[in-house]
Structures are given as structure tokens and as C-alpha cells.
PDB file of all heavy atoms in Angstrom:
ATOM      1  N   PHE A   1      10.110  -3.423   4.555  1.00  0.00           N
ATOM      2  CA  PHE A   1       9.818  -2.480   3.480  1.00  0.00           C
ATOM      3  C   PHE A   1      10.972  -2.492   2.477  1.00  0.00           C
ATOM      4  O   PHE A   1      11.671  -1.489   2.301  1.00  0.00           O
ATOM      5  CB  PHE A   1       9.603  -1.079   4.062  1.00  0.00           C
ATOM      6  CG  PHE A   1       8.544  -1.039   5.119  1.00  0.00           C
ATOM      7  CD1 PHE A   1       8.873  -1.163   6.467  1.00  0.00           C
ATOM      8  CD2 PHE A   1       7.207  -0.915   4.778  1.00  0.00           C
ATOM      9  CE1 PHE A   1       7.891  -1.149   7.443  1.00  0.00           C
ATOM     10  CE2 PHE A   1       6.223  -0.900   5.743  1.00  0.00           C
ATOM     11  CZ  PHE A   1       6.563  -1.017   7.087  1.00  0.00           C
ATOM     12  N   PRO A   2      11.175  -3.615   1.801  1.00  0.00           N
ATOM     13  CA  PRO A   2      12.365  -3.768   0.963  1.00  0.00           C
ATOM     14  C   PRO A   2      12.420  -2.832  -0.251  1.00  0.00           C
ATOM     15  O   PRO A   2      13.492  -2.632  -0.812  1.00  0.00           O
ATOM     16  CB  PRO A   2      12.298  -5.227   0.513  1.00  0.00           C
ATOM     17  CG  PRO A   2      10.849  -5.585   0.582  1.00  0.00           C
ATOM     18  CD  PRO A   2      10.313  -4.794   1.750  1.00  0.00           C
ATOM     19  N   HIS A   3      11.308  -2.266  -0.637  1.00  0.00           N
ATOM     20  CA  HIS A   3      11.281  -1.408  -1.819  1.00  0.00           C
ATOM     21  C   HIS A   3      11.186   0.075  -1.477  1.00  0.00           C
ATOM     22  O   HIS A   3      10.939   0.893  -2.373  1.00  0.00           O
ATOM     23  CB  HIS A   3      10.139  -1.835  -2.747  1.00  0.00           C
ATOM     24  CG  HIS A   3      10.280  -3.256  -3.176  1.00  0.00           C
ATOM     25  ND1 HIS A   3      11.152  -3.652  -4.158  1.00  0.00           N
ATOM     26  CD2 HIS A   3       9.693  -4.387  -2.716  1.00  0.00           C
ATOM     27  CE1 HIS A   3      11.078  -4.959  -4.305  1.00  0.00           C
ATOM     28  NE2 HIS A   3      10.204  -5.427  -3.438  1.00  0.00           N
ATOM     29  N   ALA A   4      11.382   0.414  -0.203  1.00  0.00           N
ATOM     30  CA  ALA A   4      11.411   1.826   0.185  1.00  0.00           C
ATOM     31  C   ALA A   4      12.652   2.467  -0.449  1.00  0.00           C
ATOM     32  O   ALA A   4      13.675   1.812  -0.630  1.00  0.00           O
ATOM     33  CB  ALA A   4      11.455   1.964   1.701  1.00  0.00           C
ATOM     34  N   PRO A   5      12.564   3.743  -0.791  1.00  0.00           N
ATOM     35  CA  PRO A   5      13.701   4.390  -1.454  1.00  0.00           C
ATOM     36  C   PRO A   5      14.931   4.520  -0.567  1.00  0.00           C
ATOM     37  O   PRO A   5      16.044   4.674  -1.059  1.00  0.00           O
ATOM     38  CB  PRO A   5      13.158   5.764  -1.844  1.00  0.00           C
ATOM     39  CG  PRO A   5      12.014   5.996  -0.930  1.00  0.00           C
ATOM     40  CD  PRO A   5      11.436   4.643  -0.629  1.00  0.00           C
ATOM     41  N   ASN A   6      14.736   4.447   0.740  1.00  0.00           N
ATOM     42  CA  ASN A   6      15.854   4.492   1.682  1.00  0.00           C
ATOM     43  C   ASN A   6      15.400   3.852   2.993  1.00  0.00           C
ATOM     44  O   ASN A   6      14.240   3.468   3.132  1.00  0.00           O
ATOM     45  CB  ASN A   6      16.333   5.938   1.903  1.00  0.00           C
ATOM     46  CG  ASN A   6      15.224   6.831   2.420  1.00  0.00           C
ATOM     47  OD1 ASN A   6      14.621   6.582   3.458  1.00  0.00           O
ATOM     48  ND2 ASN A   6      14.936   7.891   1.683  1.00  0.00           N
ATOM     49  N   TYR A   7      16.307   3.728   3.919  1.00  0.00           N
ATOM     50  CA  TYR A   7      15.970   3.090   5.195  1.00  0.00           C
ATOM     51  C   TYR A   7      15.750   4.091   6.318  1.00  0.00           C
ATOM     52  O   TYR A   7      15.784   3.733   7.487  1.00  0.00           O
ATOM     53  CB  TYR A   7      17.049   2.078   5.581  1.00  0.00           C
ATOM     54  CG  TYR A   7      17.000   0.849   4.706  1.00  0.00           C
ATOM     55  CD1 TYR A   7      18.011   0.564   3.818  1.00  0.00           C
ATOM     56  CD2 TYR A   7      15.913  -0.004   4.757  1.00  0.00           C
ATOM     57  CE1 TYR A   7      17.947  -0.554   3.003  1.00  0.00           C
ATOM     58  CE2 TYR A   7      15.834  -1.116   3.947  1.00  0.00           C
ATOM     59  CZ  TYR A   7      16.856  -1.391   3.082  1.00  0.00           C
ATOM     60  OH  TYR A   7      16.780  -2.489   2.280  1.00  0.00           O
ATOM     61  N   ALA A   8      15.501   5.335   5.977  1.00  0.00           N
ATOM     62  CA  ALA A   8      15.206   6.349   6.991  1.00  0.00           C
ATOM     63  C   ALA A   8      13.842   6.057   7.611  1.00  0.00           C
ATOM     64  O   ALA A   8      12.874   5.763   6.905  1.00  0.00           O
ATOM     65  CB  ALA A   8      15.203   7.740   6.374  1.00  0.00           C
ATOM     66  N   LEU A   9      13.777   6.105   8.901  1.00  0.00           N
ATOM     67  CA  LEU A   9      12.541   5.826   9.627  1.00  0.00           C
ATOM     68  C   LEU A   9      11.396   6.702   9.129  1.00  0.00           C
ATOM     69  O   LEU A   9      10.283   6.215   8.903  1.00  0.00           O
ATOM     70  CB  LEU A   9      12.749   6.029  11.126  1.00  0.00           C
ATOM     71  CG  LEU A   9      11.518   5.943  12.020  1.00  0.00           C
ATOM     72  CD1 LEU A   9      10.869   4.566  11.907  1.00  0.00           C
ATOM     73  CD2 LEU A   9      11.866   6.262  13.450  1.00  0.00           C
ATOM     74  N   THR A  10      11.640   7.973   8.912  1.00  0.00           N
ATOM     75  CA  THR A  10      10.558   8.887   8.539  1.00  0.00           C
ATOM     76  C   THR A  10       9.967   8.575   7.169  1.00  0.00           C
ATOM     77  O   THR A  10       8.818   8.910   6.907  1.00  0.00           O
ATOM     78  CB  THR A  10      11.029  10.347   8.563  1.00  0.00           C
ATOM     79  OG1 THR A  10      12.170  10.485   7.716  1.00  0.00           O
ATOM     80  CG2 THR A  10      11.377  10.784   9.980  1.00  0.00           C
ATOM     81  N   THR A  11      10.722   7.929   6.300  1.00  0.00           N
ATOM     82  CA  THR A  11      10.209   7.568   4.981  1.00  0.00           C
ATOM     83  C   THR A  11       8.969   6.696   5.095  1.00  0.00           C
ATOM     84  O   THR A  11       7.993   6.888   4.377  1.00  0.00           O
ATOM     85  CB  THR A  11      11.294   6.837   4.164  1.00  0.00           C
ATOM     86  OG1 THR A  11      12.412   7.702   4.011  1.00  0.00           O
ATOM     87  CG2 THR A  11      10.786   6.409   2.807  1.00  0.00           C
ATOM     88  N   VAL A  12       8.997   5.765   6.017  1.00  0.00           N
ATOM     89  CA  VAL A  12       7.867   4.857   6.232  1.00  0.00           C
ATOM     90  C   VAL A  12       6.950   5.391   7.327  1.00  0.00           C
ATOM     91  O   VAL A  12       5.731   5.304   7.226  1.00  0.00           O
ATOM     92  CB  VAL A  12       8.373   3.441   6.602  1.00  0.00           C
ATOM     93  CG1 VAL A  12       7.225   2.522   6.974  1.00  0.00           C
ATOM     94  CG2 VAL A  12       9.186   2.855   5.465  1.00  0.00           C
ATOM     95  N   GLU A  13       7.533   5.973   8.351  1.00  0.00           N
ATOM     96  CA  GLU A  13       6.763   6.400   9.512  1.00  0.00           C
ATOM     97  C   GLU A  13       5.712   7.460   9.189  1.00  0.00           C
ATOM     98  O   GLU A  13       4.575   7.377   9.677  1.00  0.00           O
ATOM     99  CB  GLU A  13       7.712   6.939  10.588  1.00  0.00           C
ATOM    100  CG  GLU A  13       7.012   7.353  11.859  1.00  0.00           C
ATOM    101  CD  GLU A  13       7.977   7.931  12.868  1.00  0.00           C
ATOM    102  OE1 GLU A  13       8.889   8.696  12.474  1.00  0.00           O
ATOM    103  OE2 GLU A  13       7.816   7.625  14.054  1.00  0.00           O
ATOM    104  N   ASN A  14       6.043   8.439   8.374  1.00  0.00           N
ATOM    105  CA  ASN A  14       5.102   9.530   8.108  1.00  0.00           C
ATOM    106  C   ASN A  14       3.806   9.047   7.457  1.00  0.00           C
ATOM    107  O   ASN A  14       2.719   9.337   7.967  1.00  0.00           O
ATOM    108  CB  ASN A  14       5.766  10.640   7.305  1.00  0.00           C
ATOM    109  CG  ASN A  14       6.794  11.390   8.117  1.00  0.00           C
ATOM    110  OD1 ASN A  14       6.743  11.407   9.339  1.00  0.00           O
ATOM    111  ND2 ASN A  14       7.753  11.994   7.449  1.00  0.00           N
ATOM    112  N   PRO A  15       3.861   8.295   6.335  1.00  0.00           N
ATOM    113  CA  PRO A  15       2.586   7.828   5.775  1.00  0.00           C
ATOM    114  C   PRO A  15       1.862   6.842   6.686  1.00  0.00           C
ATOM    115  O   PRO A  15       0.633   6.854   6.746  1.00  0.00           O
ATOM    116  CB  PRO A  15       2.976   7.192   4.435  1.00  0.00           C
ATOM    117  CG  PRO A  15       4.434   6.964   4.493  1.00  0.00           C
ATOM    118  CD  PRO A  15       4.984   7.948   5.469  1.00  0.00           C
ATOM    119  N   VAL A  16       2.600   6.026   7.424  1.00  0.00           N
ATOM    120  CA  VAL A  16       1.951   5.071   8.330  1.00  0.00           C
ATOM    121  C   VAL A  16       1.233   5.811   9.458  1.00  0.00           C
ATOM    122  O   VAL A  16       0.110   5.446   9.829  1.00  0.00           O
ATOM    123  CB  VAL A  16       2.959   4.037   8.874  1.00  0.00           C
ATOM    124  CG1 VAL A  16       2.370   3.228  10.020  1.00  0.00           C
ATOM    125  CG2 VAL A  16       3.420   3.106   7.752  1.00  0.00           C
ATOM    126  N   LYS A  17       1.836   6.854   9.995  1.00  0.00           N
ATOM    127  CA  LYS A  17       1.177   7.644  11.041  1.00  0.00           C
ATOM    128  C   LYS A  17      -0.116   8.270  10.530  1.00  0.00           C
ATOM    129  O   LYS A  17      -1.130   8.273  11.220  1.00  0.00           O
ATOM    130  CB  LYS A  17       2.112   8.741  11.559  1.00  0.00           C
ATOM    131  CG  LYS A  17       3.087   8.285  12.588  1.00  0.00           C
ATOM    132  CD  LYS A  17       3.871   9.481  13.109  1.00  0.00           C
ATOM    133  CE  LYS A  17       4.800   9.084  14.218  1.00  0.00           C
ATOM    134  NZ  LYS A  17       5.537  10.239  14.763  1.00  0.00           N
ATOM    135  N   ARG A  18      -0.062   8.815   9.313  1.00  0.00           N
ATOM    136  CA  ARG A  18      -1.273   9.419   8.749  1.00  0.00           C
ATOM    137  C   ARG A  18      -2.367   8.370   8.545  1.00  0.00           C
ATOM    138  O   ARG A  18      -3.546   8.623   8.824  1.00  0.00           O
ATOM    139  CB  ARG A  18      -0.952  10.129   7.434  1.00  0.00           C
ATOM    140  CG  ARG A  18      -0.127  11.388   7.605  1.00  0.00           C
ATOM    141  CD  ARG A  18       0.014  12.163   6.315  1.00  0.00           C
ATOM    142  NE  ARG A  18       0.703  11.439   5.270  1.00  0.00           N
ATOM    143  CZ  ARG A  18       2.003  11.552   4.999  1.00  0.00           C
ATOM    144  NH1 ARG A  18       2.763  12.372   5.720  1.00  0.00           N
ATOM    145  NH2 ARG A  18       2.531  10.859   4.000  1.00  0.00           N
ATOM    146  N   LEU A  19      -1.981   7.194   8.077  1.00  0.00           N
ATOM    147  CA  LEU A  19      -2.958   6.123   7.873  1.00  0.00           C
ATOM    148  C   LEU A  19      -3.517   5.621   9.198  1.00  0.00           C
ATOM    149  O   LEU A  19      -4.703   5.289   9.295  1.00  0.00           O
ATOM    150  CB  LEU A  19      -2.336   4.970   7.089  1.00  0.00           C
ATOM    151  CG  LEU A  19      -2.069   5.276   5.622  1.00  0.00           C
ATOM    152  CD1 LEU A  19      -1.269   4.153   4.990  1.00  0.00           C
ATOM    153  CD2 LEU A  19      -3.368   5.513   4.877  1.00  0.00           C
ATOM    154  N   HIS A  20      -2.692   5.569  10.219  1.00  0.00           N
ATOM    155  CA  HIS A  20      -3.163   5.144  11.539  1.00  0.00           C
ATOM    156  C   HIS A  20      -4.208   6.118  12.085  1.00  0.00           C
ATOM    157  O   HIS A  20      -5.259   5.716  12.585  1.00  0.00           O
ATOM    158  CB  HIS A  20      -1.974   5.025  12.495  1.00  0.00           C
ATOM    159  CG  HIS A  20      -2.336   4.515  13.836  1.00  0.00           C
ATOM    160  ND1 HIS A  20      -2.295   5.299  14.960  1.00  0.00           N
ATOM    161  CD2 HIS A  20      -2.774   3.299  14.241  1.00  0.00           C
ATOM    162  CE1 HIS A  20      -2.684   4.582  16.003  1.00  0.00           C
ATOM    163  NE2 HIS A  20      -2.978   3.372  15.591  1.00  0.00           N
ATOM    164  N   LYS A  21      -3.922   7.403  11.947  1.00  0.00           N
ATOM    165  CA  LYS A  21      -4.880   8.422  12.387  1.00  0.00           C
ATOM    166  C   LYS A  21      -6.180   8.320  11.582  1.00  0.00           C
ATOM    167  O   LYS A  21      -7.280   8.404  12.141  1.00  0.00           O
ATOM    168  CB  LYS A  21      -4.259   9.815  12.226  1.00  0.00           C
ATOM    169  CG  LYS A  21      -5.092  10.922  12.775  1.00  0.00           C
ATOM    170  CD  LYS A  21      -4.354  12.250  12.685  1.00  0.00           C
ATOM    171  CE  LYS A  21      -5.213  13.375  13.215  1.00  0.00           C
ATOM    172  NZ  LYS A  21      -4.536  14.666  13.145  1.00  0.00           N
ATOM    173  N   PHE A  22      -6.064   8.117  10.278  1.00  0.00           N
ATOM    174  CA  PHE A  22      -7.224   7.965   9.400  1.00  0.00           C
ATOM    175  C   PHE A  22      -8.039   6.732   9.790  1.00  0.00           C
ATOM    176  O   PHE A  22      -9.265   6.790   9.902  1.00  0.00           O
ATOM    177  CB  PHE A  22      -6.726   7.856   7.955  1.00  0.00           C
ATOM    178  CG  PHE A  22      -7.798   7.773   6.919  1.00  0.00           C
ATOM    179  CD1 PHE A  22      -8.720   8.784   6.767  1.00  0.00           C
ATOM    180  CD2 PHE A  22      -7.853   6.685   6.059  1.00  0.00           C
ATOM    181  CE1 PHE A  22      -9.707   8.718   5.783  1.00  0.00           C
ATOM    182  CE2 PHE A  22      -8.823   6.608   5.078  1.00  0.00           C
ATOM    183  CZ  PHE A  22      -9.754   7.623   4.950  1.00  0.00           C
ATOM    184  N   ARG A  23      -7.361   5.626  10.025  1.00  0.00           N
ATOM    185  CA  ARG A  23      -8.023   4.387  10.440  1.00  0.00           C
ATOM    186  C   ARG A  23      -8.787   4.594  11.746  1.00  0.00           C
ATOM    187  O   ARG A  23      -9.905   4.120  11.906  1.00  0.00           O
ATOM    188  CB  ARG A  23      -6.986   3.279  10.586  1.00  0.00           C
ATOM    189  CG  ARG A  23      -7.544   1.984  11.118  1.00  0.00           C
ATOM    190  CD  ARG A  23      -7.042   1.806  12.553  1.00  0.00           C
ATOM    191  NE  ARG A  23      -7.658   0.664  13.159  1.00  0.00           N
ATOM    192  CZ  ARG A  23      -8.352   0.714  14.286  1.00  0.00           C
ATOM    193  NH1 ARG A  23      -8.548   1.842  14.914  1.00  0.00           N
ATOM    194  NH2 ARG A  23      -8.867  -0.363  14.803  1.00  0.00           N
ATOM    195  N   ASN A  24      -8.180   5.305  12.680  1.00  0.00           N
ATOM    196  CA  ASN A  24      -8.851   5.542  13.961  1.00  0.00           C
ATOM    197  C   ASN A  24     -10.107   6.395  13.790  1.00  0.00           C
ATOM    198  O   ASN A  24     -11.115   6.153  14.445  1.00  0.00           O
ATOM    199  CB  ASN A  24      -7.896   6.200  14.952  1.00  0.00           C
ATOM    200  CG  ASN A  24      -6.912   5.214  15.527  1.00  0.00           C
ATOM    201  OD1 ASN A  24      -7.068   3.996  15.399  1.00  0.00           O
ATOM    202  ND2 ASN A  24      -5.862   5.717  16.153  1.00  0.00           N
ATOM    203  N   ARG A  25     -10.061   7.388  12.918  1.00  0.00           N
ATOM    204  CA  ARG A  25     -11.259   8.208  12.661  1.00  0.00           C
ATOM    205  C   ARG A  25     -12.392   7.325  12.148  1.00  0.00           C
ATOM    206  O   ARG A  25     -13.533   7.444  12.569  1.00  0.00           O
ATOM    207  CB  ARG A  25     -10.963   9.314  11.649  1.00  0.00           C
ATOM    208  CG  ARG A  25     -10.072  10.413  12.187  1.00  0.00           C
ATOM    209  CD  ARG A  25     -10.016  11.561  11.207  1.00  0.00           C
ATOM    210  NE  ARG A  25     -11.314  12.197  11.093  1.00  0.00           N
ATOM    211  CZ  ARG A  25     -11.728  13.216  11.848  1.00  0.00           C
ATOM    212  NH1 ARG A  25     -10.935  13.714  12.767  1.00  0.00           N
ATOM    213  NH2 ARG A  25     -12.919  13.732  11.664  1.00  0.00           N
ATOM    214  N   ILE A  26     -12.055   6.439  11.196  1.00  0.00           N
ATOM    215  CA  ILE A  26     -13.063   5.545  10.631  1.00  0.00           C
ATOM    216  C   ILE A  26     -13.575   4.590  11.706  1.00  0.00           C
ATOM    217  O   ILE A  26     -14.785   4.383  11.836  1.00  0.00           O
ATOM    218  CB  ILE A  26     -12.484   4.772   9.429  1.00  0.00           C
ATOM    219  CG1 ILE A  26     -12.210   5.744   8.286  1.00  0.00           C
ATOM    220  CG2 ILE A  26     -13.427   3.659   8.992  1.00  0.00           C
ATOM    221  CD1 ILE A  26     -11.387   5.164   7.156  1.00  0.00           C
ATOM    222  N   ALA A  27     -12.688   4.015  12.485  1.00  0.00           N
ATOM    223  CA  ALA A  27     -13.076   3.048  13.518  1.00  0.00           C
ATOM    224  C   ALA A  27     -13.977   3.672  14.576  1.00  0.00           C
ATOM    225  O   ALA A  27     -14.811   2.980  15.163  1.00  0.00           O
ATOM    226  CB  ALA A  27     -11.834   2.451  14.171  1.00  0.00           C
ATOM    227  N   HIS A  28     -13.824   4.961  14.806  1.00  0.00           N
ATOM    228  CA  HIS A  28     -14.644   5.656  15.801  1.00  0.00           C
ATOM    229  C   HIS A  28     -15.839   6.362  15.172  1.00  0.00           C
ATOM    230  O   HIS A  28     -16.470   7.208  15.796  1.00  0.00           O
ATOM    231  CB  HIS A  28     -13.789   6.632  16.602  1.00  0.00           C
ATOM    232  CG  HIS A  28     -12.778   5.949  17.464  1.00  0.00           C
ATOM    233  ND1 HIS A  28     -13.088   5.394  18.671  1.00  0.00           N
ATOM    234  CD2 HIS A  28     -11.463   5.693  17.261  1.00  0.00           C
ATOM    235  CE1 HIS A  28     -12.015   4.842  19.202  1.00  0.00           C
ATOM    236  NE2 HIS A  28     -11.012   5.004  18.356  1.00  0.00           N
ATOM    237  N   HIS A  29     -16.139   6.009  13.930  1.00  0.00           N
ATOM    238  CA  HIS A  29     -17.304   6.525  13.205  1.00  0.00           C
ATOM    239  C   HIS A  29     -17.307   8.046  13.111  1.00  0.00           C
ATOM    240  O   HIS A  29     -18.354   8.682  13.172  1.00  0.00           O
ATOM    241  CB  HIS A  29     -18.605   6.021  13.849  1.00  0.00           C
ATOM    242  CG  HIS A  29     -18.663   4.543  13.959  1.00  0.00           C
ATOM    243  ND1 HIS A  29     -18.953   3.730  12.895  1.00  0.00           N
ATOM    244  CD2 HIS A  29     -18.425   3.721  15.013  1.00  0.00           C
ATOM    245  CE1 HIS A  29     -18.913   2.471  13.291  1.00  0.00           C
ATOM    246  NE2 HIS A  29     -18.589   2.431  14.562  1.00  0.00           N
ATOM    247  N   GLU A  30     -16.126   8.618  12.947  1.00  0.00           N
ATOM    248  CA  GLU A  30     -16.023  10.060  12.765  1.00  0.00           C
ATOM    249  C   GLU A  30     -16.103  10.371  11.272  1.00  0.00           C
ATOM    250  O   GLU A  30     -15.775   9.536  10.432  1.00  0.00           O
ATOM    251  CB  GLU A  30     -14.695  10.565  13.336  1.00  0.00           C
ATOM    252  CG  GLU A  30     -14.574  10.357  14.837  1.00  0.00           C
ATOM    253  CD  GLU A  30     -13.213  10.752  15.374  1.00  0.00           C
ATOM    254  OE1 GLU A  30     -12.514  11.557  14.720  1.00  0.00           O
ATOM    255  OE2 GLU A  30     -12.844  10.252  16.443  1.00  0.00           O
ATOM    256  N   GLY A  31     -16.528  11.558  10.950  1.00  0.00           N
ATOM    257  CA  GLY A  31     -16.623  11.962   9.557  1.00  0.00           C
ATOM    258  C   GLY A  31     -15.253  12.044   8.892  1.00  0.00           C
ATOM    259  O   GLY A  31     -14.283  12.459   9.525  1.00  0.00           O
ATOM    260  N   ILE A  32     -15.201  11.657   7.632  1.00  0.00           N
ATOM    261  CA  ILE A  32     -13.932  11.719   6.899  1.00  0.00           C
ATOM    262  C   ILE A  32     -14.045  12.496   5.594  1.00  0.00           C
ATOM    263  O   ILE A  32     -13.038  12.756   4.948  1.00  0.00           O
ATOM    264  CB  ILE A  32     -13.376  10.312   6.602  1.00  0.00           C
ATOM    265  CG1 ILE A  32     -14.347   9.510   5.746  1.00  0.00           C
ATOM    266  CG2 ILE A  32     -13.025   9.583   7.893  1.00  0.00           C
ATOM    267  CD1 ILE A  32     -13.768   8.239   5.156  1.00  0.00           C
ATOM    268  N   TRP A  33     -15.255  12.866   5.186  1.00  0.00           N
ATOM    269  CA  TRP A  33     -15.428  13.482   3.870  1.00  0.00           C
ATOM    270  C   TRP A  33     -14.725  14.817   3.726  1.00  0.00           C
ATOM    271  O   TRP A  33     -14.409  15.236   2.620  1.00  0.00           O
ATOM    272  CB  TRP A  33     -16.911  13.619   3.531  1.00  0.00           C
ATOM    273  CG  TRP A  33     -17.487  12.287   3.234  1.00  0.00           C
ATOM    274  CD1 TRP A  33     -18.341  11.561   4.006  1.00  0.00           C
ATOM    275  CD2 TRP A  33     -17.221  11.475   2.088  1.00  0.00           C
ATOM    276  NE1 TRP A  33     -18.625  10.348   3.416  1.00  0.00           N
ATOM    277  CE2 TRP A  33     -17.940  10.273   2.221  1.00  0.00           C
ATOM    278  CE3 TRP A  33     -16.434  11.635   0.957  1.00  0.00           C
ATOM    279  CZ2 TRP A  33     -17.903   9.259   1.283  1.00  0.00           C
ATOM    280  CZ3 TRP A  33     -16.400  10.629   0.018  1.00  0.00           C
ATOM    281  CH2 TRP A  33     -17.132   9.455   0.187  1.00  0.00           C
ATOM    282  N   HIS A  34     -14.449  15.484   4.826  1.00  0.00           N
ATOM    283  CA  HIS A  34     -13.761  16.775   4.758  1.00  0.00           C
ATOM    284  C   HIS A  34     -12.240  16.614   4.722  1.00  0.00           C
ATOM    285  O   HIS A  34     -11.518  17.592   4.572  1.00  0.00           O
ATOM    286  CB  HIS A  34     -14.159  17.637   5.954  1.00  0.00           C
ATOM    287  CG  HIS A  34     -13.701  17.086   7.267  1.00  0.00           C
ATOM    288  ND1 HIS A  34     -14.322  16.013   7.874  1.00  0.00           N
ATOM    289  CD2 HIS A  34     -12.663  17.424   8.054  1.00  0.00           C
ATOM    290  CE1 HIS A  34     -13.689  15.729   9.001  1.00  0.00           C
ATOM    291  NE2 HIS A  34     -12.679  16.572   9.130  1.00  0.00           N
ATOM    292  N   LEU A  35     -11.762  15.386   4.830  1.00  0.00           N
ATOM    293  CA  LEU A  35     -10.321  15.130   4.839  1.00  0.00           C
ATOM    294  C   LEU A  35      -9.771  14.992   3.421  1.00  0.00           C
ATOM    295  O   LEU A  35     -10.522  14.832   2.457  1.00  0.00           O
ATOM    296  CB  LEU A  35     -10.028  13.840   5.616  1.00  0.00           C
ATOM    297  CG  LEU A  35     -10.479  13.821   7.075  1.00  0.00           C
ATOM    298  CD1 LEU A  35     -10.205  12.462   7.687  1.00  0.00           C
ATOM    299  CD2 LEU A  35      -9.782  14.916   7.867  1.00  0.00           C
TER     300      LEU A  35
END
């Protein structure tokens, strides 16, 4: 992640965790329109 504003783990980890959870909802055919 060479263009991240800093090298703090949470800078990248937080959005990636949210995207992972979102991806799993989609993969399991769960509703997403309320998100």
C-alpha cells in the first residue's frame, strides 16, 4: 500500500475489514440494500 497516508495497520485494516464483511454478505446471498 505505497500510497497510504501512513504505515499504521489500522489505516488499511479498517476499510479492508469492512469490505471483507460486505463481500461475505454478498457471497452468502444476504441482503445489502439496507447497508
